[in-house]
Protein backbone atom coordinates (compact mmCIF):
# COMPACT_ATOMS: atom_id res chain seq x y z
CA MET A 1 -72.16 -18.08 94.12
CA SER A 2 -71.79 -21.87 94.11
CA ARG A 3 -69.42 -21.40 97.04
CA PHE A 4 -72.23 -19.92 99.12
CA LEU A 5 -75.15 -21.92 97.65
CA PRO A 6 -73.75 -25.47 97.83
CA THR A 7 -74.70 -28.26 95.46
CA GLU A 8 -74.02 -31.98 95.56
CA LYS A 9 -71.00 -31.33 93.37
CA THR A 10 -69.48 -28.34 95.17
CA ASP A 11 -70.26 -29.27 98.79
CA PRO A 12 -72.16 -32.55 99.25
CA GLU A 13 -72.07 -32.27 103.05
CA LEU A 14 -73.88 -28.91 103.03
CA ALA A 15 -76.06 -29.40 99.96
CA PRO A 16 -79.04 -30.93 101.87
CA PHE A 17 -79.28 -27.66 103.82
CA ARG A 18 -79.18 -25.32 100.85
CA ALA A 19 -82.82 -24.37 101.51
CA GLY A 20 -81.78 -22.87 104.85
CA LEU A 21 -79.43 -20.49 103.06
CA VAL A 22 -82.21 -19.57 100.64
CA PHE A 23 -84.39 -18.85 103.68
CA GLY A 24 -81.74 -16.50 105.09
CA PHE A 25 -81.46 -14.66 101.77
CA PHE A 26 -85.21 -14.04 101.39
CA ASN A 27 -85.78 -13.41 105.08
CA ALA A 28 -83.51 -10.34 105.01
CA PRO A 29 -85.80 -8.16 102.82
CA ALA A 30 -88.83 -9.23 104.86
CA TRP A 31 -87.53 -8.01 108.21
CA GLN A 32 -85.57 -5.01 106.85
CA ILE A 33 -88.71 -3.55 105.34
CA SER A 34 -91.20 -4.67 107.99
CA ILE A 35 -89.33 -3.58 111.14
CA GLY A 36 -86.54 -1.40 109.75
CA THR A 37 -86.22 2.11 108.35
CA PRO A 38 -89.01 1.79 105.72
CA MET A 39 -91.41 1.01 108.57
CA VAL A 40 -90.20 4.11 110.46
CA LEU A 41 -90.70 6.28 107.37
CA PHE A 42 -94.18 4.80 106.80
CA CYS A 43 -95.10 5.61 110.41
CA GLU A 44 -93.95 9.22 109.91
CA GLN A 45 -95.92 9.46 106.66
CA LEU A 46 -99.06 8.42 108.54
CA GLY A 47 -98.47 11.10 111.20
CA ALA A 48 -97.10 8.89 113.99
CA SER A 49 -95.53 10.65 116.97
CA PRO A 50 -91.96 9.93 118.20
CA PHE A 51 -93.48 7.80 120.97
CA GLN A 52 -95.38 5.67 118.44
CA VAL A 53 -92.27 5.28 116.28
CA GLY A 54 -90.19 4.26 119.28
CA LEU A 55 -92.89 1.79 120.31
CA ALA A 56 -93.05 0.15 116.87
CA TYR A 57 -89.26 -0.07 116.59
CA SER A 58 -89.03 -1.61 120.07
CA PHE A 59 -91.41 -4.52 119.58
CA VAL A 60 -88.70 -6.76 118.12
CA PHE A 61 -86.65 -6.25 121.30
CA LEU A 62 -89.40 -6.23 123.90
CA LEU A 63 -90.86 -9.52 122.71
CA THR A 64 -87.56 -11.40 123.04
CA PRO A 65 -88.50 -13.13 126.34
CA ILE A 66 -91.39 -14.80 124.51
CA GLN A 67 -88.74 -16.86 122.71
CA ILE A 68 -87.80 -18.46 126.00
CA LEU A 69 -91.42 -19.31 126.73
CA ALA A 70 -92.02 -20.44 123.14
CA THR A 71 -89.39 -23.15 123.55
CA ALA A 72 -92.07 -24.98 125.56
CA LEU A 73 -93.89 -25.54 122.24
CA LEU A 74 -90.97 -27.44 120.72
CA PRO A 75 -91.43 -30.81 122.49
CA GLN A 76 -95.11 -30.97 121.51
CA PHE A 77 -95.06 -29.55 117.97
CA GLY A 78 -91.42 -29.95 116.90
CA TYR A 79 -88.96 -27.48 115.47
CA LYS A 80 -90.29 -27.32 111.95
CA ARG A 81 -93.97 -26.84 112.76
CA VAL A 82 -93.18 -24.05 115.23
CA MET A 83 -90.98 -22.29 112.66
CA LEU A 84 -93.50 -22.66 109.85
CA GLY A 85 -96.35 -21.55 112.10
CA GLY A 86 -94.53 -18.49 113.42
CA TRP A 87 -93.12 -17.28 110.12
CA GLY A 88 -96.22 -18.22 108.17
CA ILE A 89 -98.61 -16.27 110.39
CA ARG A 90 -96.31 -13.23 110.59
CA ALA A 91 -96.60 -12.78 106.81
CA ILE A 92 -100.38 -12.30 107.10
CA PHE A 93 -99.86 -9.05 108.98
CA LEU A 94 -97.87 -7.58 106.09
CA LEU A 95 -101.22 -7.25 104.33
CA VAL A 96 -102.12 -4.38 106.71
CA PRO A 97 -99.38 -1.99 105.51
CA VAL A 98 -100.06 -3.07 101.91
CA TRP A 99 -103.71 -2.07 102.39
CA LEU A 100 -102.73 1.21 104.10
CA ALA A 101 -100.37 2.09 101.25
CA ILE A 102 -103.27 1.62 98.82
CA MET A 103 -105.95 3.44 100.81
CA ALA A 104 -104.01 6.34 102.38
CA PRO A 105 -103.63 8.30 99.11
CA ARG A 106 -107.34 7.73 98.34
CA TRP A 107 -108.84 8.51 101.73
CA GLY A 108 -106.16 10.82 103.02
CA VAL A 109 -104.23 10.11 106.22
CA GLN A 110 -106.69 9.18 108.99
CA PRO A 111 -105.83 9.28 112.74
CA TRP A 112 -106.32 5.51 113.09
CA MET A 113 -103.92 4.54 110.30
CA ALA A 114 -100.70 4.97 112.30
CA SER A 115 -102.19 2.85 115.09
CA ALA A 116 -103.19 0.16 112.58
CA LEU A 117 -99.66 0.04 111.18
CA ILE A 118 -98.12 -0.16 114.66
CA GLY A 119 -100.56 -2.93 115.61
CA SER A 120 -99.53 -4.92 112.53
CA VAL A 121 -95.86 -4.48 113.47
CA PHE A 122 -96.60 -5.86 116.95
CA CYS A 123 -98.34 -8.94 115.52
CA PHE A 124 -95.57 -9.44 112.96
CA CYS A 125 -92.90 -9.33 115.69
CA PHE A 126 -94.91 -11.55 118.04
CA PHE A 127 -95.21 -14.44 115.60
CA ARG A 128 -91.69 -13.84 114.25
CA THR A 129 -90.47 -14.30 117.82
CA ILE A 130 -92.22 -17.66 118.12
CA GLY A 131 -90.61 -18.85 114.89
CA ALA A 132 -87.21 -17.57 115.99
CA ALA A 133 -87.43 -19.67 119.16
CA ALA A 134 -86.94 -22.77 117.02
CA ILE A 135 -84.53 -21.74 114.27
CA MET A 136 -81.18 -21.86 116.06
CA PRO A 137 -81.66 -25.10 118.03
CA PHE A 138 -83.13 -26.60 114.84
CA LEU A 139 -80.03 -25.70 112.82
CA TYR A 140 -77.70 -26.99 115.50
CA SER A 141 -79.68 -30.25 115.46
CA ILE A 142 -79.58 -30.90 111.72
CA LEU A 143 -76.21 -29.44 110.64
CA PRO A 144 -73.17 -31.72 110.74
CA PRO A 145 -70.70 -30.28 113.29
CA LYS A 146 -67.96 -29.88 110.68
CA ALA A 147 -70.27 -28.00 108.32
CA ARG A 148 -71.66 -25.44 110.76
CA GLY A 149 -68.92 -22.88 110.20
CA ARG A 150 -69.37 -23.03 106.42
CA TYR A 151 -73.14 -22.80 106.80
CA PHE A 152 -73.14 -19.73 109.06
CA GLY A 153 -70.43 -18.06 106.97
CA SER A 154 -72.53 -18.55 103.83
CA ASP A 155 -75.64 -17.43 105.70
CA GLN A 156 -73.94 -14.21 106.79
CA PHE A 157 -72.75 -13.51 103.25
CA LEU A 158 -76.11 -14.15 101.60
CA SER A 159 -78.16 -12.24 104.17
CA GLY A 160 -75.68 -9.37 103.98
CA LEU A 161 -75.93 -9.35 100.19
CA ALA A 162 -79.73 -9.37 100.35
CA GLY A 163 -79.65 -6.67 103.02
CA VAL A 164 -77.56 -4.28 100.94
CA GLY A 165 -79.70 -5.04 97.89
CA THR A 166 -82.86 -4.30 99.86
CA LEU A 167 -81.54 -0.96 101.10
CA LEU A 168 -80.46 0.07 97.61
CA ALA A 169 -83.80 -1.01 96.13
CA CYS A 170 -85.74 0.92 98.78
CA ALA A 171 -83.61 4.01 98.21
CA GLY A 172 -84.23 3.79 94.47
CA LEU A 173 -87.98 3.26 94.88
CA PHE A 174 -88.29 6.24 97.21
CA ALA A 175 -86.31 8.38 94.76
CA LEU A 176 -88.26 7.39 91.63
CA LEU A 177 -91.83 6.82 92.82
CA PRO A 178 -94.42 8.71 94.87
CA ILE A 179 -94.08 7.84 98.55
CA TYR A 180 -97.13 5.58 98.86
CA THR A 181 -96.39 3.79 95.59
CA ALA A 182 -92.82 3.16 96.76
CA LEU A 183 -94.09 1.83 100.10
CA LEU A 184 -96.61 -0.40 98.34
CA VAL A 185 -93.88 -1.93 96.16
CA GLN A 186 -91.58 -2.37 99.15
CA TYR A 187 -94.16 -4.14 101.27
CA GLY A 188 -95.02 -6.23 98.24
CA ILE A 189 -91.36 -7.26 98.16
CA ALA A 190 -91.54 -8.05 101.89
CA LEU A 191 -94.66 -10.19 101.36
CA PHE A 192 -93.07 -12.04 98.44
CA SER A 193 -89.85 -12.55 100.43
CA SER A 194 -91.83 -13.92 103.38
CA TYR A 195 -93.53 -16.42 101.08
CA MET A 196 -90.22 -17.51 99.54
CA SER A 197 -88.57 -17.87 102.94
CA PHE A 198 -91.54 -19.92 104.17
CA MET A 199 -91.31 -22.23 101.17
CA ALA A 200 -87.56 -22.61 101.70
CA LEU A 201 -88.14 -23.65 105.32
CA ARG A 202 -90.55 -26.34 104.16
CA ARG A 203 -87.78 -27.97 102.12
CA LEU A 204 -85.40 -28.38 105.04
CA PRO A 205 -85.17 -31.83 106.66
CA ASP A 206 -86.91 -32.13 110.01
CA ALA A 207 -85.24 -32.88 113.33
CA PRO A 208 -86.46 -35.05 116.24
CA ASN A 209 -88.59 -33.24 118.78
CA PRO A 210 -86.66 -32.19 121.87
CA PRO A 211 -87.64 -33.69 125.23
CA ALA A 212 -90.00 -31.87 127.58
CA MET A 213 -88.40 -28.92 129.36
CA LYS A 214 -88.55 -27.85 132.99
CA LEU A 215 -89.35 -24.17 132.58
CA MET A 216 -89.54 -23.68 136.35
CA GLN A 217 -85.86 -24.55 136.64
CA LEU A 218 -85.14 -22.03 133.92
CA ILE A 219 -87.15 -19.36 135.75
CA LYS A 220 -85.35 -20.18 138.98
CA ASP A 221 -81.85 -19.99 137.47
CA THR A 222 -82.35 -16.79 135.48
CA PRO A 223 -82.36 -14.33 138.45
CA ARG A 224 -79.27 -16.02 139.85
CA HIS A 225 -77.32 -15.36 136.67
CA MET A 226 -78.59 -11.78 136.54
CA PHE A 227 -77.79 -10.74 140.13
CA ALA A 228 -75.18 -13.08 141.61
CA PRO A 229 -71.82 -11.25 141.95
CA THR A 230 -69.90 -12.76 139.02
CA PRO A 231 -67.93 -11.43 136.02
CA PHE A 232 -70.95 -12.34 133.90
CA ARG A 233 -73.26 -10.11 135.93
CA ARG A 234 -70.87 -7.18 135.64
CA PHE A 235 -70.62 -7.50 131.88
CA LEU A 236 -74.37 -8.09 131.55
CA TRP A 237 -75.26 -4.72 133.07
CA LEU A 238 -72.57 -2.91 131.09
CA ALA A 239 -74.13 -4.43 127.97
CA VAL A 240 -77.55 -3.22 129.16
CA ILE A 241 -76.22 0.34 129.41
CA TYR A 242 -74.86 0.07 125.87
CA ALA A 243 -78.20 -1.24 124.57
CA VAL A 244 -80.10 1.60 126.23
CA LEU A 245 -77.77 4.17 124.67
CA SER A 246 -77.49 2.74 121.16
CA THR A 247 -80.93 1.33 120.30
CA PRO A 248 -82.85 4.65 119.96
CA ILE A 249 -80.34 6.26 117.61
CA PRO A 250 -81.27 4.70 114.21
CA PRO A 251 -85.06 5.12 114.35
CA PHE A 252 -85.02 8.65 115.72
CA LEU A 253 -82.37 9.77 113.23
CA ALA A 254 -84.54 8.54 110.36
CA TYR A 255 -87.61 10.17 111.91
CA TYR A 256 -85.84 13.49 112.53
CA LEU A 257 -84.33 13.71 109.04
CA LYS A 258 -87.80 13.19 107.57
CA VAL A 259 -89.72 15.67 109.74
CA GLY A 260 -86.90 18.14 110.49
CA PRO A 261 -84.80 18.94 107.43
CA GLN A 262 -87.50 17.09 105.46
CA LEU A 263 -85.06 14.99 103.47
CA GLY A 264 -86.49 12.53 101.00
CA ALA A 265 -87.10 8.93 101.98
CA GLY A 266 -84.68 7.84 99.24
CA GLN A 267 -81.91 9.94 100.76
CA ILE A 268 -82.56 8.48 104.20
CA MET A 269 -82.39 4.95 102.81
CA GLY A 270 -79.10 5.95 101.17
CA PHE A 271 -77.80 6.81 104.64
CA GLU A 272 -78.85 3.35 105.77
CA VAL A 273 -76.76 1.83 102.98
CA LEU A 274 -73.72 3.65 104.41
CA ARG A 275 -74.53 2.39 107.91
CA PHE A 276 -74.75 -1.16 106.62
CA SER A 277 -71.49 -0.65 104.70
CA GLY A 278 -69.86 0.40 107.96
CA VAL A 279 -70.97 -2.89 109.51
CA ILE A 280 -69.40 -4.88 106.68
CA VAL A 281 -66.11 -2.93 106.74
CA ALA A 282 -65.80 -3.25 110.52
CA ALA A 283 -66.55 -6.98 110.38
CA ALA A 284 -63.83 -7.54 107.78
CA PHE A 285 -61.30 -5.51 109.77
CA ILE A 286 -62.00 -6.71 113.31
CA ARG A 287 -62.54 -10.44 112.83
CA ARG A 288 -58.87 -10.91 111.85
CA ARG A 289 -57.50 -8.93 114.79
CA ILE A 290 -59.70 -9.56 117.80
CA ASP A 291 -58.16 -12.93 118.65
CA HIS A 292 -54.76 -11.30 119.08
CA SER A 293 -55.77 -8.02 120.72
CA GLY A 294 -58.73 -9.25 122.78
CA ALA A 295 -62.19 -7.72 123.02
CA ARG A 296 -61.44 -4.81 125.36
CA PRO A 297 -59.70 -2.56 122.76
CA PHE A 298 -62.71 -2.92 120.47
CA PHE A 299 -65.12 -2.10 123.29
CA LEU A 300 -63.17 1.12 123.79
CA LEU A 301 -63.09 1.75 120.04
CA THR A 302 -66.88 1.40 120.04
CA MET A 303 -67.13 4.04 122.75
CA VAL A 304 -64.88 6.45 120.84
CA LEU A 305 -67.02 6.00 117.73
CA TYR A 306 -70.24 6.66 119.65
CA VAL A 307 -68.75 9.82 121.16
CA ALA A 308 -67.96 10.92 117.60
CA VAL A 309 -71.54 10.14 116.55
CA GLY A 310 -72.95 12.10 119.50
CA VAL A 311 -70.70 15.11 118.91
CA PHE A 312 -71.54 15.18 115.22
CA TRP A 313 -75.31 15.09 115.67
CA TRP A 314 -75.26 17.63 118.48
CA SER A 315 -73.23 19.91 116.20
CA TYR A 316 -75.58 19.26 113.29
CA LEU A 317 -78.65 20.07 115.38
CA GLU A 318 -76.89 23.18 116.68
CA GLY A 319 -76.30 24.32 113.10
CA LEU A 320 -72.51 24.03 113.25
CA LEU A 321 -72.40 21.33 110.53
CA SER A 322 -74.46 20.86 107.39
CA GLY A 323 -74.53 19.00 104.10
CA LEU A 324 -75.35 15.47 102.99
CA ALA A 325 -71.72 14.34 102.84
CA VAL A 326 -71.22 14.69 106.59
CA ILE A 327 -74.47 12.81 107.26
CA TYR A 328 -73.28 9.94 105.07
CA ALA A 329 -70.01 9.89 107.03
CA ALA A 330 -71.88 9.90 110.36
CA TYR A 331 -74.02 6.92 109.32
CA PHE A 332 -70.93 5.02 108.20
CA VAL A 333 -69.31 5.62 111.60
CA LEU A 334 -72.52 4.43 113.28
CA GLY A 335 -72.27 1.16 111.35
CA LEU A 336 -68.61 0.79 112.36
CA ALA A 337 -69.55 1.26 116.01
CA ALA A 338 -72.43 -1.24 115.95
CA ALA A 339 -70.34 -4.00 114.36
CA SER A 340 -67.36 -3.30 116.61
CA TRP A 341 -69.50 -3.82 119.70
CA THR A 342 -71.26 -6.90 118.33
CA ILE A 343 -68.07 -8.75 117.48
CA ALA A 344 -66.31 -7.76 120.70
CA ASN A 345 -69.40 -8.75 122.69
CA LEU A 346 -69.56 -12.24 121.18
CA ASN A 347 -65.85 -12.69 121.83
CA TYR A 348 -65.88 -11.51 125.44
CA LEU A 349 -69.18 -13.14 126.42
CA ALA A 350 -67.68 -16.57 125.76
CA GLN A 351 -65.07 -15.82 128.45
CA VAL A 352 -67.49 -14.96 131.27
CA VAL A 353 -70.14 -17.66 130.94
CA GLU A 354 -69.95 -20.91 132.87
CA GLU A 355 -69.33 -23.91 130.65
CA ASN A 356 -72.10 -26.00 132.22
CA ASN A 357 -74.62 -23.12 132.01
CA ARG A 358 -73.34 -21.53 128.85
CA ALA A 359 -76.49 -21.63 126.74
CA LEU A 360 -78.83 -20.41 129.48
CA MET A 361 -76.49 -17.52 130.39
CA ILE A 362 -76.35 -16.50 126.73
CA ALA A 363 -80.15 -16.57 126.64
CA VAL A 364 -80.27 -14.35 129.73
CA MET A 365 -77.84 -11.90 128.13
CA GLY A 366 -79.93 -11.73 124.97
CA ALA A 367 -83.27 -11.29 126.70
CA VAL A 368 -82.14 -8.69 129.25
CA THR A 369 -80.18 -6.53 126.83
CA ALA A 370 -82.84 -6.73 124.12
CA CYS A 371 -85.68 -5.78 126.47
CA SER A 372 -83.69 -2.96 128.06
CA GLY A 373 -82.74 -1.63 124.66
CA GLY A 374 -86.32 -1.93 123.48
CA LEU A 375 -87.65 0.19 126.35
CA SER A 376 -85.26 3.02 125.57
CA PRO A 377 -86.88 4.27 122.31
CA ILE A 378 -90.31 4.19 123.97
CA LEU A 379 -89.20 6.34 126.90
CA TRP A 380 -87.26 8.77 124.73
CA GLY A 381 -90.22 8.95 122.36
CA LEU A 382 -92.31 10.35 125.21
CA VAL A 383 -89.99 13.34 125.68
CA LEU A 384 -88.94 13.93 122.06
CA LYS A 385 -92.48 14.80 120.94
CA SER A 386 -92.73 18.46 120.03
CA GLU A 387 -95.58 20.10 121.92
CA ALA A 388 -95.46 23.19 119.70
CA GLU A 389 -96.40 21.33 116.51
CA PRO A 390 -99.26 18.85 116.00
CA GLY A 391 -98.78 15.50 114.31
CA ALA A 392 -95.38 14.16 113.37
CA ALA A 393 -92.76 16.44 114.88
CA ILE A 394 -89.69 16.23 117.09
CA ASP A 395 -88.35 18.67 119.67
CA VAL A 396 -84.88 19.56 118.39
CA ASN A 397 -83.75 20.94 121.76
CA VAL A 398 -84.63 17.70 123.51
CA PHE A 399 -82.95 15.75 120.70
CA GLN A 400 -79.77 17.71 121.38
CA ILE A 401 -80.04 16.82 125.05
CA PHE A 402 -80.41 13.18 124.01
CA PHE A 403 -77.04 13.25 122.24
CA LEU A 404 -75.39 15.09 125.12
CA PHE A 405 -76.71 12.34 127.39
CA VAL A 406 -75.27 9.71 125.03
CA ILE A 407 -71.85 11.40 125.05
CA ALA A 408 -71.74 11.66 128.85
CA ALA A 409 -72.97 8.11 129.41
CA VAL A 410 -70.52 6.68 126.87
CA VAL A 411 -67.61 8.37 128.65
CA VAL A 412 -68.67 6.77 131.93
CA LEU A 413 -69.24 3.41 130.25
CA SER A 414 -65.76 3.60 128.70
CA SER A 415 -64.14 3.84 132.11
CA LEU A 416 -66.05 0.76 133.29
CA LEU A 417 -65.28 -1.27 130.18
CA ALA A 418 -61.59 -0.42 130.51
CA LYS A 419 -61.56 -2.23 133.87
CA LEU A 420 -62.93 -5.50 132.50
CA ALA A 421 -60.61 -8.40 133.24
CA GLU A 422 -59.58 -10.29 130.13
CA ASP A 423 -57.20 -13.16 129.61
CA LYS A 424 -56.18 -13.00 125.95
CA ASP A 425 -54.12 -16.17 126.28
CA ALA A 426 -57.07 -18.29 127.45
CA PRO A 427 -58.22 -20.64 124.65
CA VAL A 428 -61.88 -19.57 124.62
CA GLU A 429 -63.82 -20.01 121.38
CA SER A 430 -65.85 -16.90 120.57
CA LEU A 431 -69.56 -17.30 119.97
CA VAL A 432 -70.98 -17.47 116.45
CA ILE A 433 -74.70 -16.76 116.44
CA GLY A 434 -76.26 -16.84 113.02
CA ASN A 435 -76.20 -13.39 111.43
CA ALA A 436 -74.80 -11.53 114.44
CA ILE A 437 -72.30 -9.61 112.33
CA PHE A 438 -74.58 -8.56 109.49
CA ARG A 439 -77.65 -8.06 111.68
CA PRO A 440 -76.22 -6.42 114.80
CA PHE A 441 -79.48 -4.84 115.95
CA ARG A 442 -81.26 -8.20 115.78
CA ALA A 443 -78.50 -10.52 116.96
CA ALA A 444 -79.70 -10.37 120.54
CA THR A 445 -83.16 -11.62 119.60
CA TYR A 446 -81.66 -14.94 118.49
CA LEU A 447 -79.73 -15.52 121.70
CA ALA A 448 -82.83 -16.59 123.57
CA SER A 449 -83.21 -19.56 121.24
CA LEU A 450 -79.88 -21.05 122.34
CA ILE A 451 -81.17 -22.54 125.58
CA ASP A 452 -79.55 -25.93 125.89
CA LEU A 453 -82.43 -28.33 126.33
CA ARG A 454 -80.22 -30.77 128.22
CA GLU A 455 -79.87 -28.25 131.03
CA VAL A 456 -83.59 -27.79 131.57
CA SER A 457 -84.97 -31.20 130.72
CA PRO A 458 -85.03 -34.67 132.21
CA PRO A 459 -82.03 -36.85 131.36
CA SER A 460 -82.32 -38.52 127.98
CA SER A 461 -80.44 -41.23 126.22
CA PRO A 462 -77.05 -40.47 124.70
CA LYS A 463 -78.44 -41.11 121.25
CA SER A 464 -81.26 -38.63 121.77
CA ASP A 465 -78.86 -36.00 123.09
CA GLU A 466 -76.64 -36.38 120.06
CA THR A 467 -79.41 -36.10 117.51
CA SER A 468 -81.80 -33.58 118.96
CA GLN A 469 -79.92 -31.12 121.15
CA PRO A 470 -78.49 -27.80 120.06
CA ARG A 471 -74.81 -27.04 120.53
CA THR A 472 -73.39 -23.70 121.48
């Protein structure tokens, strides 16, 4: 572990930033419980409808543009104060699900409880988004250029380790304890992890405040990047289609398995472990090959995997397949597909952005795809609600149509991705964005924090640029 948690003896260049790696480790349980599958299962337990579940799951995506606006706070308050404020306040709203987990078994499930939980998720995501606006430019400001690769590699390992540990712990708690007791312990873990991550952030060295930013220039340039006929625009809207297709699958699968076949929460968390394992396996396999083969083959592999996922779940809902083993396999394939797209996306995106507008174009990609993906679960949640049954229920026939739609759309998307122009011989460095490999569904929410302040601010001295600006 000393390789990933550096000391003055093992890695003196990275040792001053050890607290940032501790933050990444403890931050993983906080978000995986608060906005991941345990949150979906808690919503179902409180009688939330598919629309409410889709809404809660989408907040982390829909609030992404706030990161761009929150960068206006950085010149006045500085990186560290914005991070500490955002992540400190978000932890307060974890007290709501803790309270609900205590009171629901005593009072019984009340109609307002699901709304209270969803409201707490919104507030958690809102303040998390403000904190996330500072984290990446802050790290690029304080990390020595030669140490960044080692830092992000260690960060990915530690957050991945914590993520798998969290999923296994949640699965065990659901299997061994009554549902509300298990949820209470899990949200207690999330609250403790939020506190530890906050304390770790406090120990990091501060960075100089960035200069004031011209947000109007940013607002003016954003539509041009979105709609001007360029290779970037073409890839942007293909990525939007992918986000719309893929984002609703994890939350609605967890919701369906709980209210349909009525599988235990521990079993569903076990499926999530397999999905996460698929991400890790795909990352290990693809990262060594993508530089030689290019991104396009892995885009097409992603599409093949999603077709397989769609065919499986349609067959399962139709009654043609059954058994836990095939569900485990389907979740593993879903993890393979998510990681395959994420890695190929970061590789190809670096080829279609303009060098002088690179950071802003990455921010546009992150905000547009995240918001589009976030709207998808909300809209599908409106039509997946079963009218025949009150409370938490899902219309299986409509869910089958959903997967048929995914299959058809993926086939069309495959034909468009196959036509992407790619120069494999061009020496373009792929993007590395924090935990993009191990947190594929959240990677886009960090892209908005990569706005290069030099592009939207008045000219500053060379010294200031060198010490306070993020690099991409």
